[in-house]
Amino acid sequence: VRPCLDPAPALGPLEVAAIRVLVVHGWRRIVL
């Protein structure tokens, strides 16, 4: 994901929220 996000323009609040939800959901399934 990193190479795709690095050149991306500034993201809006909904896009940022979506990224955070997906990242946290994927990680919590493992860490918990």
Full PDB file with SEQRES, HELIX, SHEET, SSBOND, CRYST1, ORIGX, SCALE, CONECT and MASTER records, all heavy atoms in Angstrom:
SEQRES   1 A   32  VAL ARG PRO CYS LEU ASP PRO ALA PRO ALA LEU GLY PRO          
SEQRES   2 A   32  LEU GLU VAL ALA ALA ILE ARG VAL LEU VAL VAL HIS GLY          
SEQRES   3 A   32  TRP ARG ARG ILE VAL LEU                                      
HELIX    1 AA1 ARG A    2  LEU A    5  1                                   4    
HELIX    2 AA2 PRO A   13  VAL A   31  1                                  19    
CRYST1    1.000    1.000    1.000  90.00  90.00  90.00 P 1           1          
ORIGX1      1.000000  0.000000  0.000000        0.00000                         
ORIGX2      0.000000  1.000000  0.000000        0.00000                         
ORIGX3      0.000000  0.000000  1.000000        0.00000                         
SCALE1      1.000000  0.000000  0.000000        0.00000                         
SCALE2      0.000000  1.000000  0.000000        0.00000                         
SCALE3      0.000000  0.000000  1.000000        0.00000                         
ATOM      1  N   VAL A   1       0.824  -1.208   0.000  1.00  0.00           N  
ATOM      2  CA  VAL A   1       0.000   0.000   0.000  1.00  0.00           C  
ATOM      3  C   VAL A   1       0.859   1.258   0.000  1.00  0.00           C  
ATOM      4  O   VAL A   1       0.500   2.269  -0.613  1.00  0.00           O  
ATOM      5  CB  VAL A   1      -0.941  -0.014   1.233  1.00  0.00           C  
ATOM      6  CG1 VAL A   1      -1.521   1.366   1.500  1.00  0.00           C  
ATOM      7  CG2 VAL A   1      -2.074  -1.010   1.003  1.00  0.00           C  
ATOM      8  N   ARG A   2       1.996   1.207   0.676  1.00  0.00           N  
ATOM      9  CA  ARG A   2       2.828   2.396   0.821  1.00  0.00           C  
ATOM     10  C   ARG A   2       3.166   3.066  -0.517  1.00  0.00           C  
ATOM     11  O   ARG A   2       2.969   4.279  -0.669  1.00  0.00           O  
ATOM     12  CB  ARG A   2       4.114   2.050   1.579  1.00  0.00           C  
ATOM     13  CG  ARG A   2       3.931   1.833   3.062  1.00  0.00           C  
ATOM     14  CD  ARG A   2       3.539   3.127   3.745  1.00  0.00           C  
ATOM     15  NE  ARG A   2       4.539   4.158   3.511  1.00  0.00           N  
ATOM     16  CZ  ARG A   2       5.633   4.314   4.236  1.00  0.00           C  
ATOM     17  NH1 ARG A   2       5.851   3.519   5.277  1.00  0.00           N  
ATOM     18  NH2 ARG A   2       6.481   5.284   3.976  1.00  0.00           N  
ATOM     19  N   PRO A   3       3.670   2.322  -1.532  1.00  0.00           N  
ATOM     20  CA  PRO A   3       4.005   2.975  -2.803  1.00  0.00           C  
ATOM     21  C   PRO A   3       2.786   3.603  -3.492  1.00  0.00           C  
ATOM     22  O   PRO A   3       2.939   4.543  -4.273  1.00  0.00           O  
ATOM     23  CB  PRO A   3       4.592   1.838  -3.645  1.00  0.00           C  
ATOM     24  CG  PRO A   3       5.040   0.813  -2.658  1.00  0.00           C  
ATOM     25  CD  PRO A   3       4.064   0.895  -1.534  1.00  0.00           C  
ATOM     26  N   CYS A   4       1.593   3.077  -3.212  1.00  0.00           N  
ATOM     27  CA  CYS A   4       0.384   3.638  -3.822  1.00  0.00           C  
ATOM     28  C   CYS A   4      -0.028   4.944  -3.143  1.00  0.00           C  
ATOM     29  O   CYS A   4      -0.563   5.847  -3.793  1.00  0.00           O  
ATOM     30  CB  CYS A   4      -0.760   2.640  -3.736  1.00  0.00           C  
ATOM     31  SG  CYS A   4      -0.457   1.074  -4.579  1.00  0.00           S  
ATOM     32  N   LEU A   5       0.210   5.047  -1.848  1.00  0.00           N  
ATOM     33  CA  LEU A   5      -0.211   6.227  -1.107  1.00  0.00           C  
ATOM     34  C   LEU A   5       0.807   7.365  -1.198  1.00  0.00           C  
ATOM     35  O   LEU A   5       0.431   8.534  -1.130  1.00  0.00           O  
ATOM     36  CB  LEU A   5      -0.434   5.865   0.362  1.00  0.00           C  
ATOM     37  CG  LEU A   5      -1.626   4.961   0.664  1.00  0.00           C  
ATOM     38  CD1 LEU A   5      -1.644   4.592   2.143  1.00  0.00           C  
ATOM     39  CD2 LEU A   5      -2.933   5.645   0.278  1.00  0.00           C  
ATOM     40  N   ASP A   6       2.078   7.025  -1.332  1.00  0.00           N  
ATOM     41  CA  ASP A   6       3.116   8.068  -1.327  1.00  0.00           C  
ATOM     42  C   ASP A   6       2.882   9.157  -2.374  1.00  0.00           C  
ATOM     43  O   ASP A   6       2.978  10.346  -2.065  1.00  0.00           O  
ATOM     44  CB  ASP A   6       4.499   7.442  -1.504  1.00  0.00           C  
ATOM     45  CG  ASP A   6       4.958   6.720  -0.240  1.00  0.00           C  
ATOM     46  OD1 ASP A   6       4.413   7.022   0.838  1.00  0.00           O  
ATOM     47  OD2 ASP A   6       5.847   5.857  -0.339  1.00  0.00           O  
ATOM     48  N   PRO A   7       2.575   8.790  -3.649  1.00  0.00           N  
ATOM     49  CA  PRO A   7       2.374   9.850  -4.635  1.00  0.00           C  
ATOM     50  C   PRO A   7       0.951  10.390  -4.681  1.00  0.00           C  
ATOM     51  O   PRO A   7       0.640  11.267  -5.484  1.00  0.00           O  
ATOM     52  CB  PRO A   7       2.709   9.138  -5.953  1.00  0.00           C  
ATOM     53  CG  PRO A   7       2.283   7.731  -5.721  1.00  0.00           C  
ATOM     54  CD  PRO A   7       2.557   7.458  -4.258  1.00  0.00           C  
ATOM     55  N   ALA A   8       0.063   9.877  -3.829  1.00  0.00           N  
ATOM     56  CA  ALA A   8      -1.339  10.280  -3.883  1.00  0.00           C  
ATOM     57  C   ALA A   8      -1.500  11.724  -3.429  1.00  0.00           C  
ATOM     58  O   ALA A   8      -0.749  12.208  -2.578  1.00  0.00           O  
ATOM     59  CB  ALA A   8      -2.184   9.362  -2.997  1.00  0.00           C  
ATOM     60  N   PRO A   9      -2.468  12.447  -3.983  1.00  0.00           N  
ATOM     61  CA  PRO A   9      -2.743  13.812  -3.517  1.00  0.00           C  
ATOM     62  C   PRO A   9      -3.318  13.783  -2.101  1.00  0.00           C  
ATOM     63  O   PRO A   9      -3.580  12.720  -1.544  1.00  0.00           O  
ATOM     64  CB  PRO A   9      -3.776  14.322  -4.527  1.00  0.00           C  
ATOM     65  CG  PRO A   9      -4.438  13.083  -5.047  1.00  0.00           C  
ATOM     66  CD  PRO A   9      -3.371  12.022  -5.060  1.00  0.00           C  
ATOM     67  N   ALA A  10      -3.486  14.951  -1.541  1.00  0.00           N  
ATOM     68  CA  ALA A  10      -4.044  15.048  -0.193  1.00  0.00           C  
ATOM     69  C   ALA A  10      -5.398  14.345  -0.133  1.00  0.00           C  
ATOM     70  O   ALA A  10      -6.258  14.547  -0.992  1.00  0.00           O  
ATOM     71  CB  ALA A  10      -4.191  16.517   0.207  1.00  0.00           C  
ATOM     72  N   LEU A  11      -5.566  13.515   0.864  1.00  0.00           N  
ATOM     73  CA  LEU A  11      -6.795  12.733   0.993  1.00  0.00           C  
ATOM     74  C   LEU A  11      -7.808  13.482   1.849  1.00  0.00           C  
ATOM     75  O   LEU A  11      -7.458  14.205   2.787  1.00  0.00           O  
ATOM     76  CB  LEU A  11      -6.488  11.380   1.622  1.00  0.00           C  
ATOM     77  CG  LEU A  11      -5.473  10.503   0.881  1.00  0.00           C  
ATOM     78  CD1 LEU A  11      -5.263   9.197   1.631  1.00  0.00           C  
ATOM     79  CD2 LEU A  11      -5.925  10.226  -0.541  1.00  0.00           C  
ATOM     80  N   GLY A  12      -9.093  13.271   1.523  1.00  0.00           N  
ATOM     81  CA  GLY A  12     -10.166  13.867   2.292  1.00  0.00           C  
ATOM     82  C   GLY A  12     -10.432  13.085   3.562  1.00  0.00           C  
ATOM     83  O   GLY A  12      -9.924  11.974   3.753  1.00  0.00           O  
ATOM     84  N   PRO A  13     -11.254  13.621   4.462  1.00  0.00           N  
ATOM     85  CA  PRO A  13     -11.513  12.960   5.747  1.00  0.00           C  
ATOM     86  C   PRO A  13     -12.145  11.583   5.602  1.00  0.00           C  
ATOM     87  O   PRO A  13     -11.828  10.679   6.381  1.00  0.00           O  
ATOM     88  CB  PRO A  13     -12.447  13.937   6.467  1.00  0.00           C  
ATOM     89  CG  PRO A  13     -13.002  14.831   5.403  1.00  0.00           C  
ATOM     90  CD  PRO A  13     -11.944  14.920   4.359  1.00  0.00           C  
ATOM     91  N   LEU A  14     -13.024  11.394   4.602  1.00  0.00           N  
ATOM     92  CA  LEU A  14     -13.633  10.076   4.429  1.00  0.00           C  
ATOM     93  C   LEU A  14     -12.604   9.057   3.954  1.00  0.00           C  
ATOM     94  O   LEU A  14     -12.622   7.894   4.382  1.00  0.00           O  
ATOM     95  CB  LEU A  14     -14.791  10.155   3.428  1.00  0.00           C  
ATOM     96  CG  LEU A  14     -16.050  10.863   3.913  1.00  0.00           C  
ATOM     97  CD1 LEU A  14     -17.111  10.886   2.812  1.00  0.00           C  
ATOM     98  CD2 LEU A  14     -16.607  10.187   5.162  1.00  0.00           C  
ATOM     99  N   GLU A  15     -11.710   9.473   3.071  1.00  0.00           N  
ATOM    100  CA  GLU A  15     -10.660   8.567   2.595  1.00  0.00           C  
ATOM    101  C   GLU A  15      -9.699   8.206   3.724  1.00  0.00           C  
ATOM    102  O   GLU A  15      -9.305   7.039   3.868  1.00  0.00           O  
ATOM    103  CB  GLU A  15      -9.899   9.220   1.439  1.00  0.00           C  
ATOM    104  CG  GLU A  15     -10.747   9.433   0.203  1.00  0.00           C  
ATOM    105  CD  GLU A  15     -10.073  10.336  -0.802  1.00  0.00           C  
ATOM    106  OE1 GLU A  15      -9.558  11.393  -0.406  1.00  0.00           O  
ATOM    107  OE2 GLU A  15     -10.059   9.979  -1.998  1.00  0.00           O  
ATOM    108  N   VAL A  16      -9.346   9.188   4.528  1.00  0.00           N  
ATOM    109  CA  VAL A  16      -8.472   8.917   5.666  1.00  0.00           C  
ATOM    110  C   VAL A  16      -9.160   7.974   6.659  1.00  0.00           C  
ATOM    111  O   VAL A  16      -8.547   7.027   7.171  1.00  0.00           O  
ATOM    112  CB  VAL A  16      -8.073  10.231   6.367  1.00  0.00           C  
ATOM    113  CG1 VAL A  16      -7.346   9.945   7.689  1.00  0.00           C  
ATOM    114  CG2 VAL A  16      -7.184  11.060   5.451  1.00  0.00           C  
ATOM    115  N   ALA A  17     -10.440   8.227   6.922  1.00  0.00           N  
ATOM    116  CA  ALA A  17     -11.184   7.362   7.839  1.00  0.00           C  
ATOM    117  C   ALA A  17     -11.236   5.931   7.308  1.00  0.00           C  
ATOM    118  O   ALA A  17     -11.084   4.971   8.075  1.00  0.00           O  
ATOM    119  CB  ALA A  17     -12.592   7.903   8.049  1.00  0.00           C  
ATOM    120  N   ALA A  18     -11.441   5.775   5.995  1.00  0.00           N  
ATOM    121  CA  ALA A  18     -11.501   4.437   5.402  1.00  0.00           C  
ATOM    122  C   ALA A  18     -10.169   3.714   5.551  1.00  0.00           C  
ATOM    123  O   ALA A  18     -10.129   2.519   5.894  1.00  0.00           O  
ATOM    124  CB  ALA A  18     -11.893   4.538   3.928  1.00  0.00           C  
ATOM    125  N   ILE A  19      -9.068   4.432   5.301  1.00  0.00           N  
ATOM    126  CA  ILE A  19      -7.745   3.823   5.460  1.00  0.00           C  
ATOM    127  C   ILE A  19      -7.534   3.371   6.896  1.00  0.00           C  
ATOM    128  O   ILE A  19      -7.094   2.250   7.165  1.00  0.00           O  
ATOM    129  CB  ILE A  19      -6.648   4.818   5.033  1.00  0.00           C  
ATOM    130  CG1 ILE A  19      -6.672   5.018   3.511  1.00  0.00           C  
ATOM    131  CG2 ILE A  19      -5.267   4.331   5.479  1.00  0.00           C  
ATOM    132  CD1 ILE A  19      -5.741   6.096   3.016  1.00  0.00           C  
ATOM    133  N   ARG A  20      -7.857   4.225   7.836  1.00  0.00           N  
ATOM    134  CA  ARG A  20      -7.653   3.895   9.246  1.00  0.00           C  
ATOM    135  C   ARG A  20      -8.511   2.713   9.680  1.00  0.00           C  
ATOM    136  O   ARG A  20      -8.048   1.832  10.413  1.00  0.00           O  
ATOM    137  CB  ARG A  20      -7.943   5.122  10.119  1.00  0.00           C  
ATOM    138  CG  ARG A  20      -6.902   6.240   9.975  1.00  0.00           C  
ATOM    139  CD  ARG A  20      -7.262   7.422  10.869  1.00  0.00           C  
ATOM    140  NE  ARG A  20      -7.264   7.040  12.276  1.00  0.00           N  
ATOM    141  CZ  ARG A  20      -6.198   7.123  13.075  1.00  0.00           C  
ATOM    142  NH1 ARG A  20      -5.049   7.563  12.609  1.00  0.00           N  
ATOM    143  NH2 ARG A  20      -6.289   6.769  14.346  1.00  0.00           N  
ATOM    144  N   VAL A  21      -9.763   2.679   9.229  1.00  0.00           N  
ATOM    145  CA  VAL A  21     -10.646   1.565   9.596  1.00  0.00           C  
ATOM    146  C   VAL A  21     -10.089   0.252   9.067  1.00  0.00           C  
ATOM    147  O   VAL A  21     -10.034  -0.760   9.786  1.00  0.00           O  
ATOM    148  CB  VAL A  21     -12.070   1.804   9.058  1.00  0.00           C  
ATOM    149  CG1 VAL A  21     -12.892   0.517   9.139  1.00  0.00           C  
ATOM    150  CG2 VAL A  21     -12.761   2.899   9.855  1.00  0.00           C  
ATOM    151  N   LEU A  22      -9.658   0.222   7.819  1.00  0.00           N  
ATOM    152  CA  LEU A  22      -9.132  -1.007   7.223  1.00  0.00           C  
ATOM    153  C   LEU A  22      -7.844  -1.448   7.907  1.00  0.00           C  
ATOM    154  O   LEU A  22      -7.644  -2.642   8.174  1.00  0.00           O  
ATOM    155  CB  LEU A  22      -8.900  -0.805   5.729  1.00  0.00           C  
ATOM    156  CG  LEU A  22     -10.170  -0.636   4.886  1.00  0.00           C  
ATOM    157  CD1 LEU A  22      -9.814  -0.239   3.457  1.00  0.00           C  
ATOM    158  CD2 LEU A  22     -10.992  -1.922   4.891  1.00  0.00           C  
ATOM    159  N   VAL A  23      -6.966  -0.496   8.185  1.00  0.00           N  
ATOM    160  CA  VAL A  23      -5.697  -0.833   8.820  1.00  0.00           C  
ATOM    161  C   VAL A  23      -5.924  -1.352  10.236  1.00  0.00           C  
ATOM    162  O   VAL A  23      -5.385  -2.398  10.630  1.00  0.00           O  
ATOM    163  CB  VAL A  23      -4.769   0.399   8.836  1.00  0.00           C  
ATOM    164  CG1 VAL A  23      -3.562   0.161   9.744  1.00  0.00           C  
ATOM    165  CG2 VAL A  23      -4.299   0.720   7.424  1.00  0.00           C  
ATOM    166  N   VAL A  24      -6.732  -0.636  11.019  1.00  0.00           N  
ATOM    167  CA  VAL A  24      -6.981  -1.051  12.396  1.00  0.00           C  
ATOM    168  C   VAL A  24      -7.721  -2.386  12.440  1.00  0.00           C  
ATOM    169  O   VAL A  24      -7.414  -3.260  13.260  1.00  0.00           O  
ATOM    170  CB  VAL A  24      -7.775   0.039  13.152  1.00  0.00           C  
ATOM    171  CG1 VAL A  24      -8.264  -0.475  14.500  1.00  0.00           C  
ATOM    172  CG2 VAL A  24      -6.905   1.272  13.345  1.00  0.00           C  
ATOM    173  N   HIS A  25      -8.689  -2.571  11.542  1.00  0.00           N  
ATOM    174  CA  HIS A  25      -9.436  -3.835  11.520  1.00  0.00           C  
ATOM    175  C   HIS A  25      -8.509  -5.006  11.207  1.00  0.00           C  
ATOM    176  O   HIS A  25      -8.575  -6.058  11.860  1.00  0.00           O  
ATOM    177  CB  HIS A  25     -10.550  -3.756  10.479  1.00  0.00           C  
ATOM    178  CG  HIS A  25     -11.285  -5.043  10.302  1.00  0.00           C  
ATOM    179  ND1 HIS A  25     -12.043  -5.621  11.300  1.00  0.00           N  
ATOM    180  CD2 HIS A  25     -11.372  -5.906   9.240  1.00  0.00           C  
ATOM    181  CE1 HIS A  25     -12.565  -6.760  10.875  1.00  0.00           C  
ATOM    182  NE2 HIS A  25     -12.162  -6.950   9.631  1.00  0.00           N  
ATOM    183  N   GLY A  26      -7.642  -4.836  10.212  1.00  0.00           N  
ATOM    184  CA  GLY A  26      -6.730  -5.921   9.870  1.00  0.00           C  
ATOM    185  C   GLY A  26      -5.773  -6.251  10.997  1.00  0.00           C  
ATOM    186  O   GLY A  26      -5.492  -7.425  11.267  1.00  0.00           O  
ATOM    187  N   TRP A  27      -5.279  -5.233  11.682  1.00  0.00           N  
ATOM    188  CA  TRP A  27      -4.322  -5.457  12.750  1.00  0.00           C  
ATOM    189  C   TRP A  27      -4.982  -6.015  14.006  1.00  0.00           C  
ATOM    190  O   TRP A  27      -4.441  -6.913  14.660  1.00  0.00           O  
ATOM    191  CB  TRP A  27      -3.607  -4.152  13.075  1.00  0.00           C  
ATOM    192  CG  TRP A  27      -2.623  -4.197  14.192  1.00  0.00           C  
ATOM    193  CD1 TRP A  27      -2.523  -3.305  15.217  1.00  0.00           C  
ATOM    194  CD2 TRP A  27      -1.569  -5.140  14.418  1.00  0.00           C  
ATOM    195  NE1 TRP A  27      -1.489  -3.623  16.055  1.00  0.00           N  
ATOM    196  CE2 TRP A  27      -0.884  -4.750  15.598  1.00  0.00           C  
ATOM    197  CE3 TRP A  27      -1.137  -6.288  13.739  1.00  0.00           C  
ATOM    198  CZ2 TRP A  27       0.205  -5.469  16.106  1.00  0.00           C  
ATOM    199  CZ3 TRP A  27      -0.059  -7.005  14.246  1.00  0.00           C  
ATOM    200  CH2 TRP A  27       0.603  -6.595  15.415  1.00  0.00           C  
ATOM    201  N   ARG A  28      -6.175  -5.539  14.342  1.00  0.00           N  
ATOM    202  CA  ARG A  28      -6.812  -6.013  15.583  1.00  0.00           C  
ATOM    203  C   ARG A  28      -7.191  -7.485  15.467  1.00  0.00           C  
ATOM    204  O   ARG A  28      -7.209  -8.203  16.465  1.00  0.00           O  
ATOM    205  CB  ARG A  28      -8.007  -5.139  15.950  1.00  0.00           C  
ATOM    206  CG  ARG A  28      -9.209  -5.213  15.022  1.00  0.00           C  
ATOM    207  CD  ARG A  28     -10.292  -6.139  15.520  1.00  0.00           C  
ATOM    208  NE  ARG A  28     -11.337  -6.336  14.542  1.00  0.00           N  
ATOM    209  CZ  ARG A  28     -12.167  -7.373  14.563  1.00  0.00           C  
ATOM    210  NH1 ARG A  28     -12.072  -8.287  15.497  1.00  0.00           N  
ATOM    211  NH2 ARG A  28     -13.084  -7.498  13.633  1.00  0.00           N  
ATOM    212  N   ARG A  29      -7.478  -7.966  14.241  1.00  0.00           N  
ATOM    213  CA  ARG A  29      -7.780  -9.390  14.056  1.00  0.00           C  
ATOM    214  C   ARG A  29      -6.578 -10.257  14.413  1.00  0.00           C  
ATOM    215  O   ARG A  29      -6.740 -11.419  14.784  1.00  0.00           O  
ATOM    216  CB  ARG A  29      -8.180  -9.667  12.604  1.00  0.00           C  
ATOM    217  CG  ARG A  29      -9.500  -9.045  12.195  1.00  0.00           C  
ATOM    218  CD  ARG A  29      -9.828  -9.332  10.734  1.00  0.00           C  
ATOM    219  NE  ARG A  29      -9.992 -10.754  10.491  1.00  0.00           N  
ATOM    220  CZ  ARG A  29      -9.296 -11.448   9.595  1.00  0.00           C  
ATOM    221  NH1 ARG A  29      -8.369 -10.860   8.860  1.00  0.00           N  
ATOM    222  NH2 ARG A  29      -9.527 -12.735   9.422  1.00  0.00           N  
ATOM    223  N   ILE A  30      -5.400  -9.684  14.318  1.00  0.00           N  
ATOM    224  CA  ILE A  30      -4.179 -10.423  14.646  1.00  0.00           C  
ATOM    225  C   ILE A  30      -3.795 -10.210  16.107  1.00  0.00           C  
ATOM    226  O   ILE A  30      -3.630 -11.163  16.867  1.00  0.00           O  
ATOM    227  CB  ILE A  30      -3.017  -9.976  13.727  1.00  0.00           C  
ATOM    228  CG1 ILE A  30      -3.329 -10.328  12.270  1.00  0.00           C  
ATOM    229  CG2 ILE A  30      -1.709 -10.605  14.175  1.00  0.00           C  
ATOM    230  CD1 ILE A  30      -2.360  -9.731  11.274  1.00  0.00           C  
ATOM    231  N   VAL A  31      -3.657  -8.948  16.506  1.00  0.00           N  
ATOM    232  CA  VAL A  31      -3.060  -8.662  17.803  1.00  0.00           C  
ATOM    233  C   VAL A  31      -3.938  -9.117  18.962  1.00  0.00           C  
ATOM    234  O   VAL A  31      -3.418  -9.539  20.013  1.00  0.00           O  
ATOM    235  CB  VAL A  31      -2.726  -7.160  17.909  1.00  0.00           C  
ATOM    236  CG1 VAL A  31      -3.981  -6.312  18.049  1.00  0.00           C  
ATOM    237  CG2 VAL A  31      -1.782  -6.898  19.073  1.00  0.00           C  
ATOM    238  N   LEU A  32      -5.255  -9.082  18.796  1.00  0.00           N  
ATOM    239  CA  LEU A  32      -6.124  -9.508  19.888  1.00  0.00           C  
ATOM    240  C   LEU A  32      -6.211 -11.023  20.013  1.00  0.00           C  
ATOM    241  O   LEU A  32      -6.771 -11.536  20.981  1.00  0.00           O  
ATOM    242  CB  LEU A  32      -7.531  -8.904  19.712  1.00  0.00           C  
ATOM    243  CG  LEU A  32      -7.607  -7.377  19.792  1.00  0.00           C  
ATOM    244  CD1 LEU A  32      -9.046  -6.905  19.664  1.00  0.00           C  
ATOM    245  CD2 LEU A  32      -6.970  -6.847  21.073  1.00  0.00           C  
TER     246      LEU A  32                                                      
MASTER        0    0    0    2    0    0    0    6  245    1    0    3          
END                                                                             
